[in-house]
N, C-alpha and C. Protein backbone atom coordinates (compact mmCIF):
# COMPACT_ATOMS: atom_id res chain seq x y z
N SER A 1 244.15 -15.06 69.39
CA SER A 1 244.88 -14.58 70.55
C SER A 1 245.31 -13.13 70.32
N ARG A 2 245.78 -12.52 71.36
CA ARG A 2 246.19 -11.13 71.25
C ARG A 2 247.47 -10.97 70.42
N THR A 3 248.22 -12.03 70.27
CA THR A 3 249.51 -11.92 69.59
C THR A 3 249.50 -12.47 68.17
N SER A 4 248.41 -13.09 67.74
CA SER A 4 248.39 -13.62 66.38
C SER A 4 246.96 -13.70 65.84
N GLY A 5 246.85 -13.70 64.51
CA GLY A 5 245.57 -13.91 63.86
C GLY A 5 244.65 -12.72 63.80
N GLY A 6 245.11 -11.55 64.16
CA GLY A 6 244.25 -10.38 64.18
C GLY A 6 244.27 -9.60 62.89
N VAL A 7 243.42 -8.60 62.84
CA VAL A 7 243.35 -7.66 61.72
C VAL A 7 243.55 -6.27 62.29
N THR A 8 244.35 -5.46 61.63
CA THR A 8 244.57 -4.09 62.11
C THR A 8 244.11 -3.09 61.07
N SER A 9 243.78 -1.91 61.54
CA SER A 9 243.41 -0.79 60.68
C SER A 9 243.74 0.49 61.43
N SER A 10 244.07 1.52 60.70
CA SER A 10 244.29 2.81 61.35
C SER A 10 242.95 3.54 61.47
N LEU A 11 242.94 4.59 62.26
CA LEU A 11 241.72 5.37 62.45
C LEU A 11 241.69 6.55 61.49
N SER A 12 240.50 6.83 60.97
CA SER A 12 240.35 8.02 60.14
C SER A 12 239.78 9.17 60.95
N SER A 13 239.04 8.86 62.04
CA SER A 13 238.52 9.93 62.90
C SER A 13 238.06 9.36 64.24
N VAL A 14 238.03 10.25 65.23
CA VAL A 14 237.53 9.92 66.56
C VAL A 14 236.59 11.04 66.97
N ARG A 15 235.39 10.68 67.43
CA ARG A 15 234.42 11.67 67.87
C ARG A 15 233.95 11.30 69.27
N VAL A 16 234.35 12.09 70.26
CA VAL A 16 233.93 11.89 71.65
C VAL A 16 232.56 12.53 71.83
N HIS A 17 231.69 11.89 72.61
CA HIS A 17 230.37 12.45 72.87
C HIS A 17 230.52 13.89 73.35
N PRO A 18 229.77 14.83 72.77
CA PRO A 18 229.94 16.25 73.13
C PRO A 18 229.61 16.56 74.59
N SER A 19 228.82 15.70 75.24
CA SER A 19 228.48 15.92 76.65
C SER A 19 229.22 14.97 77.58
N TYR A 20 230.32 14.39 77.10
CA TYR A 20 231.12 13.51 77.94
C TYR A 20 231.63 14.29 79.15
N SER A 21 231.47 13.71 80.33
CA SER A 21 231.96 14.36 81.55
C SER A 21 232.36 13.28 82.56
N GLY A 22 233.59 12.84 82.45
CA GLY A 22 234.06 11.81 83.37
C GLY A 22 233.43 10.48 83.08
N ASN A 23 232.40 10.11 83.84
CA ASN A 23 231.75 8.82 83.64
C ASN A 23 230.49 8.90 82.79
N ASN A 24 229.89 10.08 82.66
CA ASN A 24 228.62 10.20 81.95
C ASN A 24 228.83 10.41 80.45
N ASN A 25 227.93 9.84 79.65
CA ASN A 25 228.04 9.90 78.18
C ASN A 25 229.41 9.38 77.74
N ASP A 26 229.83 8.29 78.33
CA ASP A 26 231.17 7.73 78.14
C ASP A 26 231.22 6.88 76.87
N LEU A 27 231.18 7.57 75.74
CA LEU A 27 231.17 6.88 74.45
C LEU A 27 231.85 7.74 73.41
N ALA A 28 232.55 7.10 72.51
CA ALA A 28 233.19 7.79 71.38
C ALA A 28 232.99 6.94 70.14
N ILE A 29 232.97 7.58 68.99
CA ILE A 29 232.88 6.88 67.70
C ILE A 29 234.27 6.89 67.08
N LEU A 30 234.80 5.72 66.82
CA LEU A 30 236.10 5.57 66.16
C LEU A 30 235.85 5.03 64.76
N LYS A 31 236.19 5.81 63.76
CA LYS A 31 236.02 5.36 62.37
C LYS A 31 237.33 4.80 61.87
N LEU A 32 237.26 3.64 61.24
CA LEU A 32 238.44 3.00 60.68
C LEU A 32 238.71 3.54 59.29
N SER A 33 239.98 3.59 58.92
CA SER A 33 240.34 4.09 57.59
C SER A 33 240.06 3.05 56.50
N THR A 34 239.98 1.78 56.88
CA THR A 34 239.63 0.73 55.93
C THR A 34 238.56 -0.15 56.55
N SER A 35 237.71 -0.73 55.73
CA SER A 35 236.67 -1.60 56.26
C SER A 35 237.27 -2.95 56.66
N ILE A 36 236.62 -3.60 57.59
CA ILE A 36 237.03 -4.92 58.06
C ILE A 36 235.98 -5.91 57.56
N THR A 37 236.42 -6.94 56.88
CA THR A 37 235.51 -7.93 56.32
C THR A 37 235.14 -8.97 57.37
N ALA A 38 233.85 -9.26 57.46
CA ALA A 38 233.38 -10.30 58.37
C ALA A 38 233.96 -11.64 57.95
N SER A 39 234.24 -12.48 58.95
CA SER A 39 234.81 -13.80 58.70
C SER A 39 234.39 -14.73 59.83
N GLY A 40 235.00 -15.89 59.88
CA GLY A 40 234.70 -16.82 60.96
C GLY A 40 235.05 -16.28 62.34
N ASN A 41 236.03 -15.39 62.40
CA ASN A 41 236.45 -14.81 63.68
C ASN A 41 236.01 -13.37 63.87
N ILE A 42 235.44 -12.76 62.84
CA ILE A 42 235.03 -11.35 62.91
C ILE A 42 233.57 -11.25 62.53
N GLY A 43 232.79 -10.65 63.39
CA GLY A 43 231.37 -10.46 63.11
C GLY A 43 230.94 -9.06 63.49
N TYR A 44 229.74 -8.72 63.12
CA TYR A 44 229.18 -7.42 63.44
C TYR A 44 227.99 -7.61 64.36
N ALA A 45 227.88 -6.77 65.36
CA ALA A 45 226.75 -6.82 66.28
C ALA A 45 225.69 -5.82 65.84
N ARG A 46 224.44 -6.16 66.08
CA ARG A 46 223.36 -5.19 65.91
C ARG A 46 223.45 -4.20 67.06
N LEU A 47 223.00 -2.98 66.83
CA LEU A 47 222.99 -1.97 67.88
C LEU A 47 221.63 -1.96 68.56
N ALA A 48 221.62 -1.76 69.87
CA ALA A 48 220.37 -1.64 70.61
C ALA A 48 219.54 -0.50 70.04
N ALA A 49 218.23 -0.66 70.07
CA ALA A 49 217.32 0.36 69.55
C ALA A 49 217.40 1.63 70.39
N SER A 50 217.17 2.75 69.74
CA SER A 50 217.17 4.04 70.43
C SER A 50 216.14 4.02 71.57
N GLY A 51 216.56 4.44 72.74
CA GLY A 51 215.68 4.50 73.89
C GLY A 51 215.51 3.19 74.63
N SER A 52 216.08 2.11 74.11
CA SER A 52 215.93 0.81 74.78
C SER A 52 216.81 0.75 76.03
N ASP A 53 216.39 -0.06 76.97
CA ASP A 53 217.09 -0.21 78.23
C ASP A 53 217.11 -1.70 78.56
N PRO A 54 218.26 -2.29 78.83
CA PRO A 54 218.27 -3.73 79.12
C PRO A 54 217.44 -4.04 80.36
N ALA A 55 216.70 -5.13 80.31
CA ALA A 55 215.80 -5.51 81.40
C ALA A 55 216.58 -6.07 82.59
N ALA A 56 216.26 -5.57 83.78
CA ALA A 56 216.89 -6.09 85.00
C ALA A 56 216.65 -7.59 85.08
N GLY A 57 217.71 -8.32 85.41
CA GLY A 57 217.63 -9.77 85.54
C GLY A 57 217.98 -10.52 84.27
N SER A 58 217.95 -9.83 83.13
CA SER A 58 218.33 -10.51 81.88
C SER A 58 219.84 -10.69 81.85
N SER A 59 220.29 -11.63 81.04
CA SER A 59 221.73 -11.93 80.97
C SER A 59 222.40 -11.15 79.86
N ALA A 60 223.64 -10.77 80.11
CA ALA A 60 224.46 -10.07 79.11
C ALA A 60 225.88 -10.61 79.22
N THR A 61 226.60 -10.55 78.10
CA THR A 61 227.97 -11.05 78.07
C THR A 61 228.92 -9.92 77.74
N VAL A 62 229.94 -9.76 78.58
CA VAL A 62 230.96 -8.73 78.39
C VAL A 62 232.27 -9.43 78.02
N ALA A 63 233.00 -8.83 77.09
CA ALA A 63 234.26 -9.43 76.64
C ALA A 63 235.38 -8.41 76.72
N GLY A 64 236.60 -8.89 76.92
CA GLY A 64 237.72 -7.96 76.96
C GLY A 64 239.06 -8.63 77.15
N TRP A 65 240.07 -7.80 77.02
CA TRP A 65 241.47 -8.21 77.16
C TRP A 65 242.06 -7.66 78.46
N GLY A 66 241.21 -7.16 79.35
CA GLY A 66 241.69 -6.47 80.54
C GLY A 66 242.23 -7.39 81.62
N ALA A 67 242.60 -6.75 82.73
CA ALA A 67 243.16 -7.46 83.88
C ALA A 67 242.21 -8.56 84.34
N THR A 68 242.77 -9.62 84.87
CA THR A 68 241.97 -10.74 85.35
C THR A 68 241.70 -10.67 86.85
N SER A 69 242.23 -9.65 87.51
CA SER A 69 241.92 -9.41 88.91
C SER A 69 242.16 -7.93 89.21
N GLU A 70 241.44 -7.43 90.21
CA GLU A 70 241.56 -6.02 90.57
C GLU A 70 243.00 -5.69 90.95
N GLY A 71 243.53 -4.65 90.34
CA GLY A 71 244.89 -4.22 90.61
C GLY A 71 245.94 -5.10 89.97
N GLY A 72 245.50 -6.13 89.28
CA GLY A 72 246.44 -7.06 88.66
C GLY A 72 247.06 -6.49 87.40
N SER A 73 248.26 -6.93 87.12
CA SER A 73 248.94 -6.46 85.92
C SER A 73 248.92 -7.51 84.82
N SER A 74 248.47 -8.72 85.15
CA SER A 74 248.46 -9.77 84.13
C SER A 74 247.20 -9.64 83.28
N THR A 75 247.38 -9.76 81.98
CA THR A 75 246.26 -9.71 81.04
C THR A 75 246.25 -11.00 80.24
N PRO A 76 245.09 -11.41 79.76
CA PRO A 76 244.99 -12.70 79.09
C PRO A 76 245.60 -12.69 77.69
N VAL A 77 246.05 -13.85 77.26
CA VAL A 77 246.53 -14.02 75.89
C VAL A 77 245.33 -14.09 74.95
N ASN A 78 244.27 -14.76 75.40
CA ASN A 78 243.05 -14.90 74.60
C ASN A 78 241.95 -14.00 75.15
N LEU A 79 241.09 -13.55 74.27
CA LEU A 79 239.94 -12.73 74.65
C LEU A 79 239.10 -13.51 75.65
N LEU A 80 238.73 -12.85 76.75
CA LEU A 80 237.89 -13.48 77.76
C LEU A 80 236.49 -12.90 77.72
N LYS A 81 235.53 -13.68 78.22
CA LYS A 81 234.16 -13.19 78.32
C LYS A 81 233.53 -13.75 79.58
N VAL A 82 232.52 -13.04 80.07
CA VAL A 82 231.78 -13.49 81.24
C VAL A 82 230.33 -13.05 81.07
N THR A 83 229.41 -13.90 81.50
CA THR A 83 227.99 -13.57 81.44
C THR A 83 227.54 -13.11 82.82
N VAL A 84 226.86 -11.97 82.84
CA VAL A 84 226.42 -11.35 84.09
C VAL A 84 224.97 -10.89 83.95
N PRO A 85 224.23 -10.83 85.06
CA PRO A 85 222.86 -10.32 84.98
C PRO A 85 222.83 -8.79 84.99
N ILE A 86 221.86 -8.24 84.28
CA ILE A 86 221.61 -6.79 84.34
C ILE A 86 221.03 -6.48 85.72
N VAL A 87 221.53 -5.43 86.34
CA VAL A 87 221.08 -4.98 87.66
C VAL A 87 220.16 -3.78 87.45
N SER A 88 219.08 -3.72 88.19
CA SER A 88 218.16 -2.58 88.03
C SER A 88 218.88 -1.27 88.33
N ARG A 89 218.44 -0.22 87.66
CA ARG A 89 219.05 1.09 87.89
C ARG A 89 218.85 1.51 89.35
N ALA A 90 217.70 1.17 89.94
CA ALA A 90 217.44 1.53 91.34
C ALA A 90 218.45 0.85 92.26
N THR A 91 218.72 -0.42 92.04
CA THR A 91 219.72 -1.13 92.85
C THR A 91 221.10 -0.54 92.64
N CYS A 92 221.44 -0.25 91.40
CA CYS A 92 222.76 0.32 91.11
C CYS A 92 222.91 1.69 91.77
N ARG A 93 221.83 2.47 91.79
CA ARG A 93 221.89 3.78 92.46
C ARG A 93 222.05 3.62 93.96
N GLN A 94 221.51 2.55 94.53
CA GLN A 94 221.74 2.28 95.95
C GLN A 94 223.21 1.95 96.19
N GLN A 95 223.84 1.26 95.25
CA GLN A 95 225.24 0.87 95.39
C GLN A 95 226.17 2.07 95.26
N TYR A 96 225.91 2.95 94.29
CA TYR A 96 226.84 4.02 93.95
C TYR A 96 226.38 5.42 94.33
N GLY A 97 225.11 5.58 94.65
CA GLY A 97 224.57 6.91 94.91
C GLY A 97 223.72 7.36 93.73
N THR A 98 222.65 8.03 94.03
CA THR A 98 221.67 8.41 93.01
C THR A 98 222.28 9.23 91.88
N SER A 99 223.12 10.21 92.21
CA SER A 99 223.64 11.09 91.16
C SER A 99 224.72 10.44 90.31
N ALA A 100 225.34 9.37 90.80
CA ALA A 100 226.44 8.74 90.06
C ALA A 100 225.94 7.94 88.86
N ILE A 101 224.73 7.40 88.95
CA ILE A 101 224.19 6.54 87.88
C ILE A 101 223.12 7.32 87.13
N THR A 102 223.45 7.69 85.90
CA THR A 102 222.52 8.47 85.07
C THR A 102 221.73 7.54 84.15
N ASN A 103 220.79 8.12 83.42
CA ASN A 103 220.00 7.34 82.47
C ASN A 103 220.80 6.95 81.23
N GLN A 104 222.03 7.45 81.10
CA GLN A 104 222.90 7.07 79.99
C GLN A 104 223.77 5.86 80.37
N MET A 105 223.49 5.27 81.51
CA MET A 105 224.26 4.14 82.03
C MET A 105 223.31 3.00 82.41
N PHE A 106 223.85 1.80 82.46
CA PHE A 106 223.17 0.69 83.12
C PHE A 106 224.25 -0.13 83.82
N CYS A 107 223.81 -1.03 84.68
CA CYS A 107 224.74 -1.81 85.48
C CYS A 107 224.51 -3.31 85.28
N ALA A 108 225.57 -4.07 85.46
CA ALA A 108 225.49 -5.53 85.35
C ALA A 108 226.53 -6.15 86.28
N GLY A 109 226.15 -7.24 86.92
CA GLY A 109 227.06 -7.94 87.80
C GLY A 109 226.30 -8.80 88.78
N VAL A 110 227.02 -9.60 89.53
CA VAL A 110 226.41 -10.45 90.55
C VAL A 110 226.67 -9.85 91.92
N SER A 111 225.64 -9.87 92.78
CA SER A 111 225.77 -9.20 94.08
C SER A 111 226.86 -9.83 94.95
N SER A 112 227.15 -11.11 94.74
CA SER A 112 228.20 -11.77 95.53
C SER A 112 229.60 -11.47 95.00
N GLY A 113 229.69 -10.78 93.86
CA GLY A 113 230.98 -10.46 93.27
C GLY A 113 231.55 -11.64 92.50
N GLY A 114 232.78 -11.47 92.02
CA GLY A 114 233.47 -12.55 91.33
C GLY A 114 233.35 -12.57 89.82
N LYS A 115 232.41 -11.83 89.24
CA LYS A 115 232.25 -11.77 87.79
C LYS A 115 232.07 -10.31 87.39
N ASP A 116 232.95 -9.83 86.50
CA ASP A 116 232.89 -8.42 86.13
C ASP A 116 233.90 -8.16 85.02
N SER A 117 233.80 -6.98 84.43
CA SER A 117 234.88 -6.47 83.59
C SER A 117 235.92 -5.86 84.54
N CYS A 118 237.08 -5.47 84.01
CA CYS A 118 238.14 -4.95 84.88
C CYS A 118 238.97 -3.92 84.12
N GLN A 119 240.00 -3.39 84.76
CA GLN A 119 240.86 -2.40 84.11
C GLN A 119 241.41 -2.98 82.81
N GLY A 120 241.34 -2.18 81.76
CA GLY A 120 241.78 -2.62 80.44
C GLY A 120 240.64 -3.09 79.55
N ASP A 121 239.46 -3.30 80.14
CA ASP A 121 238.29 -3.69 79.36
C ASP A 121 237.47 -2.49 78.90
N SER A 122 237.76 -1.30 79.43
CA SER A 122 236.96 -0.11 79.13
C SER A 122 236.81 0.10 77.63
N GLY A 123 235.58 0.44 77.24
CA GLY A 123 235.26 0.63 75.83
C GLY A 123 234.85 -0.64 75.13
N GLY A 124 235.06 -1.77 75.78
CA GLY A 124 234.72 -3.05 75.18
C GLY A 124 233.22 -3.32 75.21
N PRO A 125 232.79 -4.36 74.51
CA PRO A 125 231.36 -4.61 74.32
C PRO A 125 230.70 -5.40 75.43
N ILE A 126 229.42 -5.10 75.63
CA ILE A 126 228.53 -5.97 76.39
C ILE A 126 227.31 -6.20 75.49
N VAL A 127 226.99 -7.47 75.26
CA VAL A 127 225.90 -7.83 74.36
C VAL A 127 224.85 -8.62 75.11
N ASP A 128 223.60 -8.53 74.62
CA ASP A 128 222.53 -9.30 75.24
C ASP A 128 222.48 -10.70 74.65
N SER A 129 221.47 -11.47 75.03
CA SER A 129 221.40 -12.87 74.60
C SER A 129 221.18 -13.03 73.10
N SER A 130 220.76 -11.96 72.41
CA SER A 130 220.60 -12.03 70.95
C SER A 130 221.80 -11.43 70.23
N ASN A 131 222.90 -11.22 70.96
CA ASN A 131 224.13 -10.62 70.43
C ASN A 131 223.94 -9.19 69.94
N THR A 132 223.00 -8.49 70.54
CA THR A 132 222.82 -7.06 70.27
C THR A 132 223.74 -6.28 71.20
N LEU A 133 224.48 -5.33 70.64
CA LEU A 133 225.37 -4.50 71.45
C LEU A 133 224.52 -3.54 72.27
N ILE A 134 224.52 -3.75 73.59
CA ILE A 134 223.70 -2.91 74.46
C ILE A 134 224.51 -1.87 75.21
N GLY A 135 225.83 -2.04 75.25
CA GLY A 135 226.63 -1.07 75.98
C GLY A 135 228.12 -1.25 75.77
N ALA A 136 228.86 -0.34 76.42
CA ALA A 136 230.32 -0.36 76.40
C ALA A 136 230.80 -0.27 77.84
N VAL A 137 231.82 -1.06 78.17
CA VAL A 137 232.39 -1.04 79.52
C VAL A 137 232.80 0.39 79.86
N SER A 138 232.35 0.89 81.02
CA SER A 138 232.65 2.26 81.40
C SER A 138 233.45 2.34 82.71
N TRP A 139 232.84 2.01 83.84
CA TRP A 139 233.54 2.17 85.11
C TRP A 139 232.92 1.26 86.18
N GLY A 140 233.47 1.32 87.35
CA GLY A 140 232.95 0.56 88.48
C GLY A 140 233.85 0.77 89.69
N GLU A 141 233.43 0.21 90.80
CA GLU A 141 234.21 0.26 92.04
C GLU A 141 235.08 -0.99 92.06
N GLY A 142 236.34 -0.83 91.68
CA GLY A 142 237.22 -1.99 91.59
C GLY A 142 236.76 -2.94 90.50
N CYS A 143 237.00 -4.22 90.72
CA CYS A 143 236.60 -5.27 89.77
C CYS A 143 235.94 -6.41 90.51
N ALA A 144 234.72 -6.71 90.14
CA ALA A 144 234.02 -7.89 90.67
C ALA A 144 233.85 -7.85 92.18
N ARG A 145 233.74 -6.66 92.74
CA ARG A 145 233.52 -6.55 94.19
C ARG A 145 232.06 -6.88 94.52
N PRO A 146 231.83 -7.51 95.67
CA PRO A 146 230.44 -7.75 96.08
C PRO A 146 229.69 -6.43 96.22
N ASN A 147 228.43 -6.44 95.80
CA ASN A 147 227.52 -5.29 95.92
C ASN A 147 227.95 -4.06 95.14
N TYR A 148 228.82 -4.22 94.15
CA TYR A 148 229.18 -3.13 93.24
C TYR A 148 229.19 -3.67 91.81
N ALA A 149 228.08 -3.47 91.13
CA ALA A 149 227.98 -3.93 89.74
C ALA A 149 228.89 -3.10 88.85
N GLY A 150 229.26 -3.66 87.70
CA GLY A 150 229.98 -2.89 86.70
C GLY A 150 229.03 -1.89 86.04
N VAL A 151 229.55 -0.76 85.61
CA VAL A 151 228.72 0.29 85.01
C VAL A 151 229.10 0.41 83.53
N TYR A 152 228.07 0.52 82.70
CA TYR A 152 228.23 0.50 81.25
C TYR A 152 227.55 1.71 80.62
N ALA A 153 228.16 2.26 79.57
CA ALA A 153 227.51 3.29 78.76
C ALA A 153 226.43 2.60 77.95
N SER A 154 225.23 3.13 77.95
CA SER A 154 224.09 2.51 77.30
C SER A 154 223.98 2.89 75.83
N VAL A 155 224.06 1.90 74.94
CA VAL A 155 223.91 2.17 73.51
C VAL A 155 222.51 2.70 73.22
N GLY A 156 221.47 2.13 73.84
CA GLY A 156 220.10 2.59 73.61
C GLY A 156 219.92 4.05 73.97
N ALA A 157 220.50 4.47 75.09
CA ALA A 157 220.37 5.87 75.53
C ALA A 157 221.21 6.82 74.69
N LEU A 158 222.29 6.31 74.10
CA LEU A 158 223.22 7.16 73.34
C LEU A 158 223.12 6.93 71.83
N ARG A 159 222.05 6.27 71.41
CA ARG A 159 221.92 5.90 70.00
C ARG A 159 221.86 7.10 69.06
N SER A 160 221.25 8.20 69.47
CA SER A 160 221.18 9.36 68.57
C SER A 160 222.58 9.89 68.26
N PHE A 161 223.47 9.89 69.26
CA PHE A 161 224.87 10.28 69.03
C PHE A 161 225.53 9.31 68.06
N ILE A 162 225.32 8.03 68.28
CA ILE A 162 225.91 7.00 67.40
C ILE A 162 225.41 7.19 65.97
N ASP A 163 224.11 7.35 65.81
CA ASP A 163 223.54 7.48 64.46
C ASP A 163 224.02 8.75 63.76
N THR A 164 224.24 9.80 64.52
CA THR A 164 224.69 11.07 63.93
C THR A 164 226.12 10.99 63.43
N TYR A 165 226.99 10.31 64.16
CA TYR A 165 228.42 10.37 63.85
C TYR A 165 229.03 9.07 63.31
N ALA A 166 228.28 7.99 63.30
CA ALA A 166 228.83 6.71 62.81
C ALA A 166 228.88 6.67 61.29
């Protein structure tokens, strides 16, 4: 839960993507001052390969401690997760506009709404069915709105930055 059983560490450095601009290249590398040992509750995800792009229609799971409804102030005691389909970049560009969705982003969500990340989940993980980290929660139009998928920073597209500074 958020109130017990966790492990803490301070940060030794933070590196924001040099081309970060609002929603684009929305990734930073946070280095911990001490290593965290894997355990029954702590694991490490593989990183998506450089240049890889999640396939439209494939399933991905996003996890977070954020709000449970748009505009809501209540946050969960336990970490929550939801599985959502990857949305094609073309469909996402129709939803948000061509210039809003760059190749450093991908989208995931259900067209009917109801499943999404929300405020407070930003920076959190989205993994594919093999538990590979494919992205980080970035932005969206509200939370779980119909016809507005969640937008994620793409690990595959930003892998060179990760490899350089991690």
